[in-house]
N, C-alpha and C. Protein backbone atom coordinates (compact mmCIF):
# COMPACT_ATOMS: atom_id res chain seq x y z
N MET A 1 14.40 12.86 13.55
CA MET A 1 13.44 12.06 14.26
C MET A 1 12.33 11.56 13.33
N ALA A 2 11.86 12.44 12.43
CA ALA A 2 10.82 12.05 11.49
C ALA A 2 11.32 10.95 10.56
N ARG A 3 12.59 11.05 10.17
CA ARG A 3 13.16 10.03 9.29
C ARG A 3 13.18 8.67 10.00
N GLY A 4 13.57 8.66 11.27
CA GLY A 4 13.59 7.43 12.05
C GLY A 4 12.20 6.84 12.21
N LYS A 5 11.21 7.72 12.41
CA LYS A 5 9.82 7.25 12.54
C LYS A 5 9.37 6.61 11.22
N GLY A 6 9.74 7.23 10.10
CA GLY A 6 9.38 6.68 8.79
C GLY A 6 10.03 5.33 8.55
N GLN A 7 11.30 5.22 8.89
CA GLN A 7 12.01 3.95 8.70
C GLN A 7 11.42 2.85 9.59
N SER A 8 11.13 3.19 10.85
CA SER A 8 10.56 2.17 11.73
C SER A 8 9.16 1.77 11.26
N GLY A 9 8.41 2.73 10.74
CA GLY A 9 7.09 2.40 10.17
C GLY A 9 7.21 1.45 8.99
N GLU A 10 8.18 1.72 8.12
CA GLU A 10 8.41 0.83 6.98
C GLU A 10 8.76 -0.58 7.45
N LEU A 11 9.61 -0.67 8.47
CA LEU A 11 9.99 -1.99 8.99
C LEU A 11 8.80 -2.71 9.62
N GLU A 12 7.92 -1.98 10.28
CA GLU A 12 6.70 -2.59 10.83
C GLU A 12 5.86 -3.20 9.71
N VAL A 13 5.68 -2.44 8.63
CA VAL A 13 4.86 -2.92 7.51
C VAL A 13 5.56 -4.07 6.80
N VAL A 14 6.87 -4.04 6.69
CA VAL A 14 7.61 -5.17 6.12
C VAL A 14 7.26 -6.44 6.88
N GLY A 15 7.31 -6.39 8.20
CA GLY A 15 6.98 -7.56 9.01
C GLY A 15 5.56 -8.04 8.80
N ILE A 16 4.63 -7.09 8.75
CA ILE A 16 3.22 -7.44 8.54
C ILE A 16 3.04 -8.11 7.18
N LEU A 17 3.63 -7.51 6.13
CA LEU A 17 3.44 -8.05 4.78
C LEU A 17 4.14 -9.39 4.59
N ARG A 18 5.29 -9.56 5.18
CA ARG A 18 5.96 -10.86 5.08
C ARG A 18 5.10 -11.94 5.72
N GLU A 19 4.55 -11.64 6.88
CA GLU A 19 3.71 -12.62 7.58
C GLU A 19 2.42 -12.91 6.80
N LEU A 20 1.79 -11.86 6.28
CA LEU A 20 0.52 -12.05 5.56
C LEU A 20 0.69 -12.75 4.23
N THR A 21 1.71 -12.33 3.46
CA THR A 21 1.81 -12.76 2.07
C THR A 21 2.80 -13.89 1.83
N GLY A 22 3.78 -14.03 2.70
CA GLY A 22 4.83 -15.02 2.47
C GLY A 22 5.89 -14.54 1.49
N HIS A 23 5.77 -13.33 0.99
CA HIS A 23 6.75 -12.77 0.04
C HIS A 23 7.91 -12.13 0.79
N ASP A 24 9.04 -12.05 0.14
CA ASP A 24 10.24 -11.45 0.71
C ASP A 24 10.17 -9.93 0.55
N VAL A 25 9.28 -9.30 1.29
CA VAL A 25 9.10 -7.85 1.23
C VAL A 25 10.23 -7.21 2.03
N ARG A 26 10.75 -6.09 1.53
CA ARG A 26 11.85 -5.41 2.20
C ARG A 26 11.80 -3.91 1.90
N ARG A 27 12.46 -3.15 2.76
CA ARG A 27 12.57 -1.71 2.54
C ARG A 27 13.44 -1.46 1.32
N ARG A 28 13.08 -0.45 0.59
CA ARG A 28 13.93 0.00 -0.52
C ARG A 28 14.96 0.92 0.11
N VAL A 29 16.20 0.48 0.20
CA VAL A 29 17.22 1.21 0.93
C VAL A 29 17.57 2.52 0.24
N ARG A 30 17.77 2.49 -1.03
CA ARG A 30 18.12 3.71 -1.77
C ARG A 30 16.91 4.15 -2.57
N GLN A 31 16.16 5.04 -1.99
CA GLN A 31 14.97 5.53 -2.67
C GLN A 31 15.32 6.77 -3.47
N HIS A 32 14.81 6.81 -4.67
CA HIS A 32 14.93 7.98 -5.52
C HIS A 32 13.53 8.55 -5.65
N GLY A 33 13.43 9.77 -6.09
CA GLY A 33 12.11 10.37 -6.29
C GLY A 33 11.25 9.48 -7.16
N GLY A 34 10.06 9.16 -6.68
CA GLY A 34 9.16 8.33 -7.45
C GLY A 34 9.22 6.85 -7.15
N ASP A 35 10.15 6.41 -6.29
CA ASP A 35 10.23 5.00 -5.92
C ASP A 35 9.24 4.68 -4.80
N SER A 36 8.75 3.46 -4.80
CA SER A 36 7.92 3.02 -3.69
C SER A 36 8.80 2.78 -2.47
N ASP A 37 8.16 2.73 -1.30
CA ASP A 37 8.92 2.55 -0.06
C ASP A 37 9.41 1.11 0.13
N LEU A 38 8.61 0.15 -0.34
CA LEU A 38 8.94 -1.26 -0.16
C LEU A 38 9.02 -1.96 -1.50
N GLU A 39 9.73 -3.06 -1.53
CA GLU A 39 9.81 -3.88 -2.74
C GLU A 39 9.63 -5.34 -2.36
N GLY A 40 9.34 -6.16 -3.35
CA GLY A 40 9.21 -7.59 -3.11
C GLY A 40 7.78 -8.09 -3.06
N LEU A 41 6.82 -7.22 -3.32
CA LEU A 41 5.42 -7.62 -3.34
C LEU A 41 4.94 -7.51 -4.79
N PRO A 42 4.97 -8.61 -5.53
CA PRO A 42 4.68 -8.57 -6.97
C PRO A 42 3.35 -7.89 -7.31
N GLY A 43 3.45 -6.96 -8.26
CA GLY A 43 2.26 -6.28 -8.76
C GLY A 43 1.84 -5.05 -7.98
N TRP A 44 2.51 -4.77 -6.87
CA TRP A 44 2.09 -3.67 -6.00
C TRP A 44 3.20 -2.65 -5.79
N CYS A 45 2.80 -1.41 -5.77
CA CYS A 45 3.66 -0.28 -5.41
C CYS A 45 3.21 0.14 -4.00
N VAL A 46 4.08 -0.02 -3.03
CA VAL A 46 3.71 0.16 -1.62
C VAL A 46 4.27 1.48 -1.08
N GLU A 47 3.38 2.30 -0.56
CA GLU A 47 3.75 3.54 0.11
C GLU A 47 3.39 3.40 1.59
N VAL A 48 4.30 3.83 2.47
CA VAL A 48 4.11 3.69 3.92
C VAL A 48 4.24 5.07 4.57
N LYS A 49 3.29 5.41 5.43
CA LYS A 49 3.32 6.68 6.15
C LYS A 49 2.99 6.43 7.61
N ARG A 50 3.84 6.95 8.49
CA ARG A 50 3.59 6.89 9.93
C ARG A 50 3.79 8.29 10.47
N HIS A 51 2.71 8.87 10.99
CA HIS A 51 2.73 10.26 11.46
C HIS A 51 2.02 10.37 12.79
N ALA A 52 2.21 11.51 13.44
CA ALA A 52 1.56 11.75 14.72
C ALA A 52 0.04 11.71 14.58
N SER A 53 -0.46 12.26 13.49
CA SER A 53 -1.90 12.24 13.21
C SER A 53 -2.10 12.00 11.72
N THR A 54 -3.31 11.59 11.37
CA THR A 54 -3.59 11.25 9.98
C THR A 54 -4.87 11.94 9.51
N PRO A 55 -4.81 13.27 9.35
CA PRO A 55 -6.00 13.99 8.89
C PRO A 55 -6.34 13.61 7.45
N PRO A 56 -7.62 13.73 7.08
CA PRO A 56 -8.04 13.35 5.72
C PRO A 56 -7.24 14.00 4.61
N ALA A 57 -6.85 15.25 4.77
CA ALA A 57 -6.06 15.92 3.71
C ALA A 57 -4.71 15.24 3.52
N SER A 58 -4.09 14.81 4.60
CA SER A 58 -2.80 14.11 4.49
C SER A 58 -2.99 12.75 3.82
N ILE A 59 -4.01 12.03 4.21
CA ILE A 59 -4.28 10.72 3.59
C ILE A 59 -4.49 10.89 2.10
N ALA A 60 -5.24 11.92 1.70
CA ALA A 60 -5.48 12.17 0.27
C ALA A 60 -4.16 12.47 -0.45
N ALA A 61 -3.30 13.26 0.15
CA ALA A 61 -2.01 13.58 -0.47
C ALA A 61 -1.13 12.34 -0.58
N TRP A 62 -1.12 11.52 0.47
CA TRP A 62 -0.32 10.28 0.44
C TRP A 62 -0.85 9.34 -0.63
N TRP A 63 -2.18 9.26 -0.76
CA TRP A 63 -2.78 8.39 -1.76
C TRP A 63 -2.40 8.87 -3.16
N ARG A 64 -2.45 10.19 -3.39
CA ARG A 64 -2.04 10.73 -4.70
C ARG A 64 -0.60 10.34 -5.00
N GLN A 65 0.29 10.47 -4.00
CA GLN A 65 1.70 10.09 -4.18
C GLN A 65 1.82 8.62 -4.55
N ALA A 66 1.09 7.76 -3.84
CA ALA A 66 1.13 6.32 -4.13
C ALA A 66 0.65 6.04 -5.55
N CYS A 67 -0.41 6.73 -5.96
CA CYS A 67 -0.96 6.52 -7.32
C CYS A 67 0.01 6.93 -8.40
N ILE A 68 0.66 8.05 -8.22
CA ILE A 68 1.63 8.53 -9.21
C ILE A 68 2.79 7.55 -9.32
N GLN A 69 3.33 7.11 -8.18
CA GLN A 69 4.43 6.15 -8.19
C GLN A 69 4.01 4.84 -8.86
N ALA A 70 2.81 4.36 -8.54
CA ALA A 70 2.33 3.11 -9.12
C ALA A 70 2.14 3.25 -10.63
N HIS A 71 1.62 4.37 -11.05
CA HIS A 71 1.40 4.61 -12.48
C HIS A 71 2.73 4.56 -13.24
N HIS A 72 3.75 5.20 -12.71
CA HIS A 72 5.06 5.22 -13.38
C HIS A 72 5.70 3.84 -13.43
N ALA A 73 5.39 3.00 -12.45
CA ALA A 73 5.96 1.65 -12.40
C ALA A 73 5.02 0.61 -13.00
N ASP A 74 3.85 1.04 -13.50
CA ASP A 74 2.83 0.14 -14.05
C ASP A 74 2.44 -0.95 -13.04
N LEU A 75 2.18 -0.51 -11.80
CA LEU A 75 1.78 -1.40 -10.72
C LEU A 75 0.50 -0.88 -10.08
N LYS A 76 -0.07 -1.67 -9.18
CA LYS A 76 -1.23 -1.24 -8.40
C LYS A 76 -0.73 -0.55 -7.15
N ALA A 77 -1.44 0.50 -6.75
CA ALA A 77 -1.04 1.28 -5.57
C ALA A 77 -1.70 0.75 -4.31
N VAL A 78 -0.92 0.72 -3.24
CA VAL A 78 -1.47 0.48 -1.91
C VAL A 78 -0.71 1.38 -0.94
N LEU A 79 -1.48 2.04 -0.08
CA LEU A 79 -0.94 2.92 0.94
C LEU A 79 -1.19 2.30 2.30
N PHE A 80 -0.15 2.18 3.10
CA PHE A 80 -0.29 1.74 4.49
C PHE A 80 0.05 2.95 5.36
N TYR A 81 -0.82 3.27 6.30
CA TYR A 81 -0.55 4.40 7.17
C TYR A 81 -1.07 4.13 8.57
N ARG A 82 -0.48 4.85 9.52
CA ARG A 82 -1.00 4.82 10.88
C ARG A 82 -0.57 6.06 11.64
N ALA A 83 -1.44 6.45 12.54
CA ALA A 83 -1.13 7.55 13.45
C ALA A 83 -0.46 6.96 14.69
N ASP A 84 0.23 7.80 15.42
CA ASP A 84 0.83 7.34 16.67
C ASP A 84 -0.25 6.68 17.54
N ARG A 85 0.10 5.56 18.10
CA ARG A 85 -0.78 4.77 18.97
C ARG A 85 -2.02 4.25 18.23
N GLY A 86 -2.01 4.25 16.92
CA GLY A 86 -3.12 3.74 16.13
C GLY A 86 -2.75 2.45 15.44
N ALA A 87 -3.73 1.86 14.80
CA ALA A 87 -3.52 0.63 14.04
C ALA A 87 -3.19 0.97 12.59
N TRP A 88 -2.46 0.07 11.94
CA TRP A 88 -2.16 0.24 10.52
C TRP A 88 -3.43 0.08 9.72
N LEU A 89 -3.57 0.91 8.70
CA LEU A 89 -4.67 0.82 7.75
C LEU A 89 -4.08 0.77 6.35
N ALA A 90 -4.80 0.12 5.46
CA ALA A 90 -4.40 0.04 4.05
C ALA A 90 -5.45 0.76 3.21
N VAL A 91 -5.00 1.43 2.17
CA VAL A 91 -5.89 2.09 1.21
C VAL A 91 -5.52 1.57 -0.17
N TRP A 92 -6.51 1.14 -0.94
CA TRP A 92 -6.28 0.68 -2.31
C TRP A 92 -7.53 0.94 -3.12
N HIS A 93 -7.41 0.83 -4.42
CA HIS A 93 -8.51 1.15 -5.33
C HIS A 93 -9.51 0.00 -5.40
N ALA A 94 -10.78 0.31 -5.26
CA ALA A 94 -11.84 -0.70 -5.31
C ALA A 94 -11.94 -1.36 -6.68
N GLY A 95 -11.45 -0.70 -7.71
CA GLY A 95 -11.51 -1.26 -9.05
C GLY A 95 -10.70 -2.54 -9.22
N HIS A 96 -9.81 -2.83 -8.28
CA HIS A 96 -9.07 -4.09 -8.35
C HIS A 96 -9.99 -5.27 -8.09
N HIS A 97 -11.16 -5.00 -7.52
CA HIS A 97 -12.11 -6.06 -7.18
C HIS A 97 -13.41 -5.95 -7.97
N CYS A 98 -13.61 -4.82 -8.63
CA CYS A 98 -14.85 -4.59 -9.38
C CYS A 98 -14.52 -3.81 -10.64
N LYS A 99 -14.57 -4.48 -11.77
CA LYS A 99 -14.17 -3.87 -13.05
C LYS A 99 -15.01 -2.66 -13.41
N ALA A 100 -16.22 -2.55 -12.82
CA ALA A 100 -17.11 -1.43 -13.15
C ALA A 100 -16.64 -0.11 -12.55
N ILE A 101 -15.65 -0.16 -11.66
CA ILE A 101 -15.13 1.06 -11.04
C ILE A 101 -13.86 1.46 -11.77
N PRO A 102 -13.90 2.56 -12.53
CA PRO A 102 -12.73 2.94 -13.32
C PRO A 102 -11.60 3.49 -12.46
N TRP A 103 -10.37 3.20 -12.87
CA TRP A 103 -9.18 3.70 -12.20
C TRP A 103 -9.02 5.18 -12.53
N ARG A 104 -8.79 5.98 -11.54
CA ARG A 104 -8.52 7.41 -11.71
C ARG A 104 -7.11 7.66 -11.17
N MET A 105 -6.21 8.00 -12.03
CA MET A 105 -4.82 8.19 -11.63
C MET A 105 -4.64 9.47 -10.81
N ASN A 106 -5.68 10.27 -10.70
CA ASN A 106 -5.55 11.55 -9.99
C ASN A 106 -5.49 11.38 -8.47
N GLY A 107 -5.62 10.17 -7.97
CA GLY A 107 -5.52 9.96 -6.55
C GLY A 107 -6.78 10.25 -5.77
N ASP A 108 -7.91 10.28 -6.46
CA ASP A 108 -9.19 10.53 -5.82
C ASP A 108 -9.51 9.39 -4.84
N LEU A 109 -9.83 9.73 -3.62
CA LEU A 109 -10.13 8.72 -2.59
C LEU A 109 -11.55 8.14 -2.69
N ARG A 110 -12.40 8.72 -3.54
CA ARG A 110 -13.80 8.26 -3.61
C ARG A 110 -13.94 6.78 -3.90
N ASP A 111 -13.12 6.25 -4.74
CA ASP A 111 -13.26 4.86 -5.16
C ASP A 111 -12.21 3.96 -4.51
N THR A 112 -11.88 4.25 -3.28
CA THR A 112 -10.90 3.43 -2.58
C THR A 112 -11.55 2.63 -1.47
N VAL A 113 -10.82 1.63 -1.02
CA VAL A 113 -11.20 0.83 0.13
C VAL A 113 -10.17 1.13 1.22
N THR A 114 -10.62 1.31 2.44
CA THR A 114 -9.72 1.48 3.57
C THR A 114 -10.06 0.40 4.59
N ALA A 115 -9.07 -0.39 4.93
CA ALA A 115 -9.31 -1.51 5.87
C ALA A 115 -7.97 -1.91 6.48
N SER A 116 -8.00 -2.92 7.31
CA SER A 116 -6.78 -3.43 7.93
C SER A 116 -5.88 -4.07 6.85
N PRO A 117 -4.59 -4.18 7.13
CA PRO A 117 -3.71 -4.89 6.19
C PRO A 117 -4.17 -6.33 5.95
N GLU A 118 -4.72 -6.98 6.97
CA GLU A 118 -5.20 -8.36 6.81
C GLU A 118 -6.36 -8.42 5.82
N THR A 119 -7.28 -7.47 5.91
CA THR A 119 -8.39 -7.44 4.96
C THR A 119 -7.89 -7.12 3.56
N TRP A 120 -6.95 -6.17 3.46
CA TRP A 120 -6.38 -5.87 2.14
C TRP A 120 -5.82 -7.14 1.51
N TRP A 121 -5.05 -7.93 2.27
CA TRP A 121 -4.44 -9.11 1.68
C TRP A 121 -5.48 -10.18 1.35
N ARG A 122 -6.50 -10.34 2.18
CA ARG A 122 -7.56 -11.30 1.85
C ARG A 122 -8.17 -10.95 0.50
N MET A 123 -8.42 -9.67 0.28
CA MET A 123 -9.03 -9.24 -0.98
C MET A 123 -8.03 -9.23 -2.12
N ALA A 124 -6.82 -8.72 -1.89
CA ALA A 124 -5.81 -8.65 -2.95
C ALA A 124 -5.34 -10.04 -3.35
N GLY A 125 -5.14 -10.91 -2.37
CA GLY A 125 -4.72 -12.28 -2.66
C GLY A 125 -5.79 -13.02 -3.45
N ARG A 126 -7.04 -12.81 -3.09
CA ARG A 126 -8.15 -13.45 -3.81
C ARG A 126 -8.20 -12.95 -5.26
N ALA A 127 -8.07 -11.63 -5.43
CA ALA A 127 -8.10 -11.07 -6.78
C ALA A 127 -6.94 -11.62 -7.61
N ALA A 128 -5.76 -11.75 -7.01
CA ALA A 128 -4.59 -12.28 -7.72
C ALA A 128 -4.86 -13.72 -8.15
N ARG A 129 -5.44 -14.51 -7.27
CA ARG A 129 -5.74 -15.91 -7.63
C ARG A 129 -6.75 -15.98 -8.76
N GLN A 130 -7.73 -15.11 -8.74
CA GLN A 130 -8.74 -15.10 -9.80
C GLN A 130 -8.15 -14.69 -11.14
N GLN A 131 -7.08 -13.90 -11.10
CA GLN A 131 -6.42 -13.47 -12.34
C GLN A 131 -5.30 -14.40 -12.75
N GLY A 132 -5.10 -15.48 -12.01
CA GLY A 132 -4.13 -16.47 -12.40
C GLY A 132 -2.80 -16.39 -11.70
N ALA A 133 -2.57 -15.35 -10.88
CA ALA A 133 -1.32 -15.26 -10.14
C ALA A 133 -1.38 -16.23 -8.97
N GLN A 134 -0.24 -16.61 -8.44
CA GLN A 134 -0.18 -17.57 -7.35
C GLN A 134 0.48 -16.94 -6.12
N PRO A 135 -0.31 -16.23 -5.28
CA PRO A 135 0.31 -15.75 -4.04
C PRO A 135 0.72 -16.94 -3.18
N LEU A 136 1.71 -16.75 -2.34
CA LEU A 136 2.23 -17.84 -1.55
C LEU A 136 1.27 -18.31 -0.47
N THR A 137 0.59 -17.37 0.20
CA THR A 137 -0.36 -17.71 1.25
C THR A 137 -1.55 -16.77 1.19
N THR A 138 -2.59 -17.12 1.93
CA THR A 138 -3.76 -16.22 1.99
C THR A 138 -4.10 -15.91 3.42
């Protein structure tokens, strides 16, 4: 049952990201240890968690997992999570928008931003445009 909940959560986020970004985001069907949950979003390592509840300790552990995976793939980490009957939230490092905030690979939540997926894309898409990348939509 937990596996089905995880897969359906990934599919929900796939739909959200495709609509927001215009990229061909999809579930990674064959995941190996250390792989991100989704692929097709250039520059980002995406981790998705859907659980009955989302206590701070779990969010911190999920963020650490996302950071480790992103580090190994030389990508930026983003975590999408939601509790049952809750809204999706995104967590990412504030240093992507402010160079004065150093990246800490240890998964420390102190320097992160937590907001809706729409807000994440408004900020991430803007940062990508400022760095010369061309996201499909904003």
